Amino acid sequence: MTRRRVLLLGSVAVVTALLVWVVWPTPSAINRENAKQIAEGMSLSEVEALLGGPSRNDATRPISVDMPRESPAQKTAADDTQGRIALYTEVARQRHNVRVWQSDSAFVMVRFEDGKVCAQTCFPLRPAPETPLAMLRRWFGL
């Protein structure tokens, strides 16, 4: 191989590696494992340290509740959970003692009293199925 060809292939490899590194999503600290570590009596700063920062929505795509849906009763329970997530998010917006964190894999709601955790809820989530057109729209922000 000529020197020119080696430099060209090396440059393409470096640019490709940089693009993958920039575009590849980093995993969120908002996950079920970290949510399980939240205990009553923890302060807001301790919870934020576990979940990687203040309450926020890190979801990168539409989500659905990750529950088995084998029977009609289980399907209804999953649909009810979707409604509860929307309700909890609205409650958190209206109250100062409730914080909500959401990612592609978990929804975590924590209620505080006197600056300490008094209750927490975590729902497992998964990305919802998307059509190829919806995926392209999400990628390009349309």
N, C-alpha and C. Protein backbone atom coordinates (compact mmCIF):
# COMPACT_ATOMS: atom_id res chain seq x y z
N MET A 1 0.84 -1.19 0.00
CA MET A 1 0.00 0.00 0.00
C MET A 1 0.87 1.25 0.00
N THR A 2 0.40 2.20 -0.69
CA THR A 2 1.15 3.44 -0.71
C THR A 2 0.90 4.23 0.56
N ARG A 3 1.78 5.13 0.82
CA ARG A 3 1.66 5.95 2.02
C ARG A 3 0.38 6.78 2.00
N ARG A 4 0.02 7.26 0.83
CA ARG A 4 -1.18 8.07 0.68
C ARG A 4 -2.44 7.29 1.06
N ARG A 5 -2.49 6.03 0.63
CA ARG A 5 -3.64 5.17 0.94
C ARG A 5 -3.74 4.90 2.44
N VAL A 6 -2.63 4.65 3.08
CA VAL A 6 -2.61 4.39 4.52
C VAL A 6 -3.10 5.63 5.28
N LEU A 7 -2.64 6.80 4.89
CA LEU A 7 -3.10 8.04 5.54
C LEU A 7 -4.59 8.28 5.32
N LEU A 8 -5.07 7.99 4.13
CA LEU A 8 -6.49 8.16 3.85
C LEU A 8 -7.33 7.21 4.69
N LEU A 9 -6.97 5.94 4.75
CA LEU A 9 -7.72 4.97 5.54
C LEU A 9 -7.63 5.30 7.03
N GLY A 10 -6.47 5.73 7.49
CA GLY A 10 -6.32 6.12 8.89
C GLY A 10 -7.19 7.31 9.24
N SER A 11 -7.24 8.29 8.35
CA SER A 11 -8.07 9.47 8.58
C SER A 11 -9.55 9.11 8.64
N VAL A 12 -9.98 8.24 7.75
CA VAL A 12 -11.38 7.81 7.74
C VAL A 12 -11.70 7.08 9.05
N ALA A 13 -10.80 6.24 9.51
CA ALA A 13 -11.02 5.49 10.75
C ALA A 13 -11.11 6.44 11.94
N VAL A 14 -10.26 7.44 12.00
CA VAL A 14 -10.28 8.40 13.12
C VAL A 14 -11.56 9.21 13.10
N VAL A 15 -11.97 9.70 11.95
CA VAL A 15 -13.20 10.48 11.85
C VAL A 15 -14.41 9.62 12.22
N THR A 16 -14.45 8.39 11.78
CA THR A 16 -15.55 7.48 12.13
C THR A 16 -15.59 7.24 13.63
N ALA A 17 -14.46 6.99 14.24
CA ALA A 17 -14.40 6.77 15.68
C ALA A 17 -14.87 8.00 16.44
N LEU A 18 -14.48 9.19 16.02
CA LEU A 18 -14.92 10.42 16.68
C LEU A 18 -16.43 10.61 16.54
N LEU A 19 -16.98 10.33 15.37
CA LEU A 19 -18.43 10.47 15.18
C LEU A 19 -19.20 9.49 16.08
N VAL A 20 -18.74 8.26 16.15
CA VAL A 20 -19.40 7.28 17.01
C VAL A 20 -19.32 7.72 18.46
N TRP A 21 -18.18 8.22 18.88
CA TRP A 21 -17.99 8.66 20.27
C TRP A 21 -18.91 9.83 20.60
N VAL A 22 -19.08 10.77 19.67
CA VAL A 22 -19.92 11.95 19.91
C VAL A 22 -21.40 11.59 19.88
N VAL A 23 -21.81 10.74 18.95
CA VAL A 23 -23.22 10.44 18.74
C VAL A 23 -23.73 9.37 19.72
N TRP A 24 -22.89 8.44 20.12
CA TRP A 24 -23.32 7.33 20.97
C TRP A 24 -23.85 7.85 22.30
N PRO A 25 -25.06 7.46 22.70
CA PRO A 25 -25.62 7.98 23.95
C PRO A 25 -24.93 7.38 25.17
N THR A 26 -24.73 8.21 26.19
CA THR A 26 -24.17 7.72 27.45
C THR A 26 -25.33 7.23 28.32
N PRO A 27 -25.13 6.16 29.06
CA PRO A 27 -26.22 5.66 29.90
C PRO A 27 -26.57 6.66 31.00
N SER A 28 -27.85 6.75 31.28
CA SER A 28 -28.33 7.68 32.30
C SER A 28 -28.17 7.07 33.68
N ALA A 29 -27.92 7.92 34.68
CA ALA A 29 -27.86 7.47 36.07
C ALA A 29 -29.26 7.22 36.61
N ILE A 30 -30.27 7.61 35.86
CA ILE A 30 -31.65 7.38 36.27
C ILE A 30 -32.02 5.97 35.82
N ASN A 31 -31.85 5.01 36.72
CA ASN A 31 -32.15 3.62 36.41
C ASN A 31 -32.69 2.91 37.64
N ARG A 32 -33.19 1.71 37.44
CA ARG A 32 -33.81 0.97 38.55
C ARG A 32 -32.83 0.62 39.66
N GLU A 33 -31.59 0.32 39.30
CA GLU A 33 -30.60 -0.04 40.30
C GLU A 33 -30.33 1.14 41.25
N ASN A 34 -30.16 2.33 40.70
CA ASN A 34 -29.94 3.51 41.54
C ASN A 34 -31.19 3.87 42.33
N ALA A 35 -32.36 3.69 41.73
CA ALA A 35 -33.61 4.00 42.44
C ALA A 35 -33.80 3.08 43.65
N LYS A 36 -33.35 1.83 43.54
CA LYS A 36 -33.46 0.90 44.67
C LYS A 36 -32.63 1.35 45.86
N GLN A 37 -31.60 2.15 45.62
CA GLN A 37 -30.72 2.60 46.70
C GLN A 37 -31.28 3.79 47.47
N ILE A 38 -32.35 4.40 46.96
CA ILE A 38 -32.96 5.53 47.65
C ILE A 38 -33.68 5.01 48.88
N ALA A 39 -33.36 5.59 50.04
CA ALA A 39 -33.94 5.12 51.29
C ALA A 39 -34.59 6.29 52.03
N GLU A 40 -35.57 5.96 52.86
CA GLU A 40 -36.21 7.00 53.68
C GLU A 40 -35.14 7.67 54.53
N GLY A 41 -35.28 8.98 54.66
CA GLY A 41 -34.35 9.75 55.47
C GLY A 41 -33.20 10.36 54.69
N MET A 42 -33.05 9.98 53.40
CA MET A 42 -31.98 10.58 52.59
C MET A 42 -32.35 12.02 52.26
N SER A 43 -31.34 12.85 52.09
CA SER A 43 -31.58 14.24 51.73
C SER A 43 -31.70 14.37 50.21
N LEU A 44 -32.18 15.51 49.76
CA LEU A 44 -32.31 15.76 48.32
C LEU A 44 -30.95 15.67 47.65
N SER A 45 -29.91 16.21 48.26
CA SER A 45 -28.58 16.17 47.65
C SER A 45 -28.07 14.74 47.51
N GLU A 46 -28.38 13.87 48.46
CA GLU A 46 -27.98 12.46 48.36
C GLU A 46 -28.71 11.76 47.22
N VAL A 47 -30.00 12.07 47.06
CA VAL A 47 -30.77 11.48 45.96
C VAL A 47 -30.25 11.99 44.63
N GLU A 48 -29.96 13.29 44.55
CA GLU A 48 -29.43 13.86 43.32
C GLU A 48 -28.07 13.26 42.97
N ALA A 49 -27.26 12.97 43.97
CA ALA A 49 -25.96 12.33 43.72
C ALA A 49 -26.16 10.92 43.15
N LEU A 50 -27.15 10.20 43.64
CA LEU A 50 -27.44 8.85 43.13
C LEU A 50 -27.95 8.89 41.70
N LEU A 51 -28.82 9.85 41.39
CA LEU A 51 -29.49 9.90 40.09
C LEU A 51 -28.82 10.85 39.10
N GLY A 52 -27.64 11.33 39.45
CA GLY A 52 -26.85 12.11 38.50
C GLY A 52 -27.26 13.55 38.33
N GLY A 53 -27.95 14.14 39.30
CA GLY A 53 -28.30 15.55 39.22
C GLY A 53 -29.73 15.83 39.59
N PRO A 54 -30.16 17.08 39.39
CA PRO A 54 -31.51 17.47 39.78
C PRO A 54 -32.57 16.75 38.95
N SER A 55 -33.82 16.84 39.41
CA SER A 55 -34.91 16.14 38.71
C SER A 55 -34.98 16.63 37.27
N ARG A 56 -35.22 15.66 36.36
CA ARG A 56 -35.21 15.97 34.94
C ARG A 56 -35.78 14.80 34.15
N ASN A 57 -35.96 15.02 32.86
CA ASN A 57 -36.41 13.98 31.95
C ASN A 57 -35.29 13.73 30.95
N ASP A 58 -34.60 12.60 31.09
CA ASP A 58 -33.51 12.21 30.19
C ASP A 58 -33.98 11.29 29.07
N ALA A 59 -35.29 11.07 28.95
CA ALA A 59 -35.79 10.15 27.91
C ALA A 59 -35.43 10.70 26.54
N THR A 60 -34.89 9.83 25.70
CA THR A 60 -34.47 10.24 24.37
C THR A 60 -35.47 9.86 23.29
N ARG A 61 -36.51 9.11 23.68
CA ARG A 61 -37.51 8.66 22.72
C ARG A 61 -38.81 8.39 23.44
N PRO A 62 -39.90 8.15 22.73
CA PRO A 62 -41.15 7.79 23.40
C PRO A 62 -40.95 6.51 24.22
N ILE A 63 -41.58 6.43 25.37
CA ILE A 63 -41.41 5.28 26.26
C ILE A 63 -42.75 4.60 26.52
N SER A 64 -42.67 3.39 27.01
CA SER A 64 -43.85 2.69 27.50
C SER A 64 -43.45 1.94 28.76
N VAL A 65 -44.44 1.58 29.55
CA VAL A 65 -44.18 0.91 30.82
C VAL A 65 -43.75 -0.52 30.53
N ASP A 66 -42.68 -0.96 31.20
CA ASP A 66 -42.11 -2.29 30.97
C ASP A 66 -42.74 -3.29 31.92
N MET A 67 -43.98 -3.69 31.59
CA MET A 67 -44.70 -4.67 32.39
C MET A 67 -45.22 -5.75 31.46
N PRO A 68 -45.29 -7.00 31.94
CA PRO A 68 -45.83 -8.07 31.09
C PRO A 68 -47.30 -7.81 30.78
N ARG A 69 -47.70 -8.13 29.56
CA ARG A 69 -49.08 -7.88 29.15
C ARG A 69 -49.69 -9.15 28.57
N GLU A 70 -49.64 -10.22 29.33
CA GLU A 70 -50.12 -11.50 28.82
C GLU A 70 -51.64 -11.63 28.94
N SER A 71 -52.23 -11.04 29.96
CA SER A 71 -53.67 -11.15 30.15
C SER A 71 -54.30 -9.77 30.05
N PRO A 72 -55.61 -9.68 29.83
CA PRO A 72 -56.28 -8.37 29.78
C PRO A 72 -56.09 -7.58 31.07
N ALA A 73 -56.05 -8.26 32.21
CA ALA A 73 -55.86 -7.55 33.49
C ALA A 73 -54.47 -6.92 33.55
N GLN A 74 -53.46 -7.63 33.06
CA GLN A 74 -52.10 -7.09 33.06
C GLN A 74 -51.98 -5.92 32.08
N LYS A 75 -52.67 -6.02 30.94
CA LYS A 75 -52.65 -4.92 29.98
C LYS A 75 -53.28 -3.67 30.60
N THR A 76 -54.39 -3.84 31.31
CA THR A 76 -55.04 -2.72 31.98
C THR A 76 -54.13 -2.13 33.05
N ALA A 77 -53.42 -2.97 33.80
CA ALA A 77 -52.49 -2.49 34.84
C ALA A 77 -51.38 -1.66 34.21
N ALA A 78 -50.85 -2.11 33.06
CA ALA A 78 -49.80 -1.36 32.38
C ALA A 78 -50.33 -0.02 31.89
N ASP A 79 -51.53 -0.02 31.32
CA ASP A 79 -52.12 1.23 30.84
C ASP A 79 -52.39 2.18 32.01
N ASP A 80 -52.84 1.63 33.15
CA ASP A 80 -53.06 2.46 34.34
C ASP A 80 -51.74 3.07 34.81
N THR A 81 -50.66 2.32 34.71
CA THR A 81 -49.35 2.83 35.12
C THR A 81 -48.94 3.98 34.22
N GLN A 82 -49.21 3.89 32.92
CA GLN A 82 -48.91 5.00 32.01
C GLN A 82 -49.64 6.26 32.47
N GLY A 83 -50.91 6.11 32.84
CA GLY A 83 -51.68 7.25 33.33
C GLY A 83 -51.13 7.78 34.64
N ARG A 84 -50.67 6.88 35.51
CA ARG A 84 -50.10 7.32 36.78
C ARG A 84 -48.81 8.11 36.58
N ILE A 85 -48.00 7.71 35.61
CA ILE A 85 -46.77 8.46 35.33
C ILE A 85 -47.12 9.88 34.92
N ALA A 86 -48.11 10.04 34.04
CA ALA A 86 -48.53 11.39 33.63
C ALA A 86 -49.07 12.17 34.83
N LEU A 87 -49.86 11.52 35.67
CA LEU A 87 -50.41 12.17 36.85
C LEU A 87 -49.31 12.57 37.83
N TYR A 88 -48.37 11.67 38.10
CA TYR A 88 -47.28 11.96 39.03
C TYR A 88 -46.41 13.11 38.53
N THR A 89 -46.18 13.14 37.23
CA THR A 89 -45.39 14.24 36.67
C THR A 89 -46.10 15.56 36.87
N GLU A 90 -47.41 15.58 36.68
CA GLU A 90 -48.19 16.80 36.88
C GLU A 90 -48.20 17.21 38.35
N VAL A 91 -48.35 16.24 39.25
CA VAL A 91 -48.32 16.53 40.69
C VAL A 91 -46.97 17.13 41.08
N ALA A 92 -45.89 16.58 40.53
CA ALA A 92 -44.55 17.09 40.85
C ALA A 92 -44.38 18.53 40.40
N ARG A 93 -45.01 18.89 39.27
CA ARG A 93 -44.93 20.27 38.80
C ARG A 93 -45.64 21.23 39.76
N GLN A 94 -46.69 20.75 40.41
CA GLN A 94 -47.49 21.62 41.27
C GLN A 94 -46.98 21.66 42.70
N ARG A 95 -46.26 20.65 43.12
CA ARG A 95 -45.80 20.58 44.51
C ARG A 95 -44.30 20.79 44.57
N HIS A 96 -43.87 21.38 45.67
CA HIS A 96 -42.44 21.62 45.84
C HIS A 96 -41.74 20.46 46.54
N ASN A 97 -42.50 19.56 47.16
CA ASN A 97 -41.88 18.48 47.91
C ASN A 97 -41.80 17.17 47.13
N VAL A 98 -42.12 17.20 45.84
CA VAL A 98 -42.06 15.99 45.00
C VAL A 98 -41.12 16.26 43.84
N ARG A 99 -40.22 15.32 43.60
CA ARG A 99 -39.28 15.43 42.48
C ARG A 99 -39.43 14.19 41.60
N VAL A 100 -39.26 14.39 40.28
CA VAL A 100 -39.42 13.31 39.31
C VAL A 100 -38.19 13.25 38.41
N TRP A 101 -37.67 12.03 38.22
CA TRP A 101 -36.58 11.76 37.29
C TRP A 101 -37.09 10.73 36.30
N GLN A 102 -36.77 10.89 35.02
CA GLN A 102 -37.21 9.94 34.00
C GLN A 102 -36.10 9.73 32.99
N SER A 103 -35.93 8.49 32.58
CA SER A 103 -34.99 8.14 31.52
C SER A 103 -35.67 7.15 30.59
N ASP A 104 -34.90 6.56 29.68
CA ASP A 104 -35.47 5.55 28.79
C ASP A 104 -35.75 4.24 29.53
N SER A 105 -35.19 4.06 30.75
CA SER A 105 -35.36 2.79 31.44
C SER A 105 -36.10 2.87 32.77
N ALA A 106 -36.32 4.08 33.30
CA ALA A 106 -36.98 4.17 34.61
C ALA A 106 -37.66 5.52 34.81
N PHE A 107 -38.74 5.48 35.60
CA PHE A 107 -39.43 6.68 36.07
C PHE A 107 -39.34 6.63 37.59
N VAL A 108 -38.73 7.65 38.20
CA VAL A 108 -38.53 7.69 39.64
C VAL A 108 -39.20 8.94 40.20
N MET A 109 -40.08 8.74 41.17
CA MET A 109 -40.72 9.86 41.85
C MET A 109 -40.39 9.76 43.33
N VAL A 110 -39.91 10.87 43.91
CA VAL A 110 -39.52 10.89 45.31
C VAL A 110 -40.24 12.03 46.01
N ARG A 111 -40.84 11.72 47.16
CA ARG A 111 -41.52 12.75 47.96
C ARG A 111 -40.68 13.03 49.19
N PHE A 112 -40.54 14.32 49.49
CA PHE A 112 -39.72 14.76 50.62
C PHE A 112 -40.60 15.43 51.67
N GLU A 113 -40.27 15.23 52.92
CA GLU A 113 -40.86 15.97 54.03
C GLU A 113 -39.73 16.42 54.93
N ASP A 114 -39.72 17.70 55.25
CA ASP A 114 -38.65 18.30 56.05
C ASP A 114 -37.28 18.04 55.44
N GLY A 115 -37.21 18.04 54.11
CA GLY A 115 -35.94 17.87 53.41
C GLY A 115 -35.42 16.45 53.35
N LYS A 116 -36.21 15.48 53.79
CA LYS A 116 -35.79 14.08 53.78
C LYS A 116 -36.78 13.23 52.99
N VAL A 117 -36.29 12.16 52.39
CA VAL A 117 -37.15 11.25 51.63
C VAL A 117 -38.15 10.58 52.56
N CYS A 118 -39.43 10.65 52.19
CA CYS A 118 -40.44 9.94 52.98
C CYS A 118 -41.12 8.85 52.15
N ALA A 119 -41.04 8.95 50.81
CA ALA A 119 -41.62 7.92 49.95
C ALA A 119 -40.98 8.01 48.57
N GLN A 120 -40.91 6.89 47.89
CA GLN A 120 -40.40 6.90 46.52
C GLN A 120 -41.08 5.80 45.72
N THR A 121 -41.22 6.05 44.43
CA THR A 121 -41.86 5.11 43.50
C THR A 121 -40.97 5.00 42.28
N CYS A 122 -40.83 3.79 41.75
CA CYS A 122 -40.04 3.59 40.53
C CYS A 122 -40.81 2.65 39.61
N PHE A 123 -40.97 3.06 38.36
CA PHE A 123 -41.59 2.22 37.34
C PHE A 123 -40.53 1.90 36.29
N PRO A 124 -40.38 0.64 35.92
CA PRO A 124 -39.48 0.32 34.82
C PRO A 124 -40.09 0.76 33.49
N LEU A 125 -39.28 1.33 32.62
CA LEU A 125 -39.74 1.80 31.31
C LEU A 125 -38.91 1.15 30.23
N ARG A 126 -39.43 1.21 29.01
CA ARG A 126 -38.68 0.75 27.84
C ARG A 126 -39.08 1.65 26.68
N PRO A 127 -38.20 1.77 25.69
CA PRO A 127 -38.57 2.57 24.52
C PRO A 127 -39.79 1.96 23.82
N ALA A 128 -40.72 2.82 23.44
CA ALA A 128 -41.91 2.37 22.72
C ALA A 128 -41.53 2.05 21.28
N PRO A 129 -42.25 1.11 20.66
CA PRO A 129 -41.97 0.82 19.25
C PRO A 129 -42.20 2.07 18.40
N GLU A 130 -41.32 2.28 17.43
CA GLU A 130 -41.42 3.44 16.55
C GLU A 130 -41.44 3.00 15.10
N THR A 131 -42.18 3.71 14.30
CA THR A 131 -42.13 3.48 12.87
C THR A 131 -40.84 4.10 12.35
N PRO A 132 -40.34 3.64 11.22
CA PRO A 132 -39.12 4.25 10.66
C PRO A 132 -39.29 5.75 10.41
N LEU A 133 -40.48 6.18 9.98
CA LEU A 133 -40.72 7.60 9.75
C LEU A 133 -40.66 8.39 11.05
N ALA A 134 -41.26 7.86 12.12
CA ALA A 134 -41.22 8.54 13.42
C ALA A 134 -39.78 8.63 13.94
N MET A 135 -38.99 7.59 13.69
CA MET A 135 -37.60 7.59 14.12
C MET A 135 -36.81 8.68 13.39
N LEU A 136 -37.01 8.79 12.08
CA LEU A 136 -36.33 9.84 11.31
C LEU A 136 -36.74 11.23 11.79
N ARG A 137 -38.02 11.41 12.07
CA ARG A 137 -38.49 12.71 12.57
C ARG A 137 -37.83 13.05 13.91
N ARG A 138 -37.71 12.04 14.79
CA ARG A 138 -37.07 12.28 16.09
C ARG A 138 -35.60 12.62 15.90
N TRP A 139 -34.91 11.91 15.04
CA TRP A 139 -33.49 12.16 14.80
C TRP A 139 -33.23 13.57 14.29
N PHE A 140 -34.12 14.04 13.38
CA PHE A 140 -33.90 15.34 12.76
C PHE A 140 -34.69 16.46 13.42
N GLY A 141 -35.39 16.15 14.52
CA GLY A 141 -36.12 17.17 15.26
C GLY A 141 -37.30 17.74 14.51
N LEU A 142 -37.95 16.94 13.69
CA LEU A 142 -39.10 17.44 12.91
C LEU A 142 -40.40 17.15 13.60
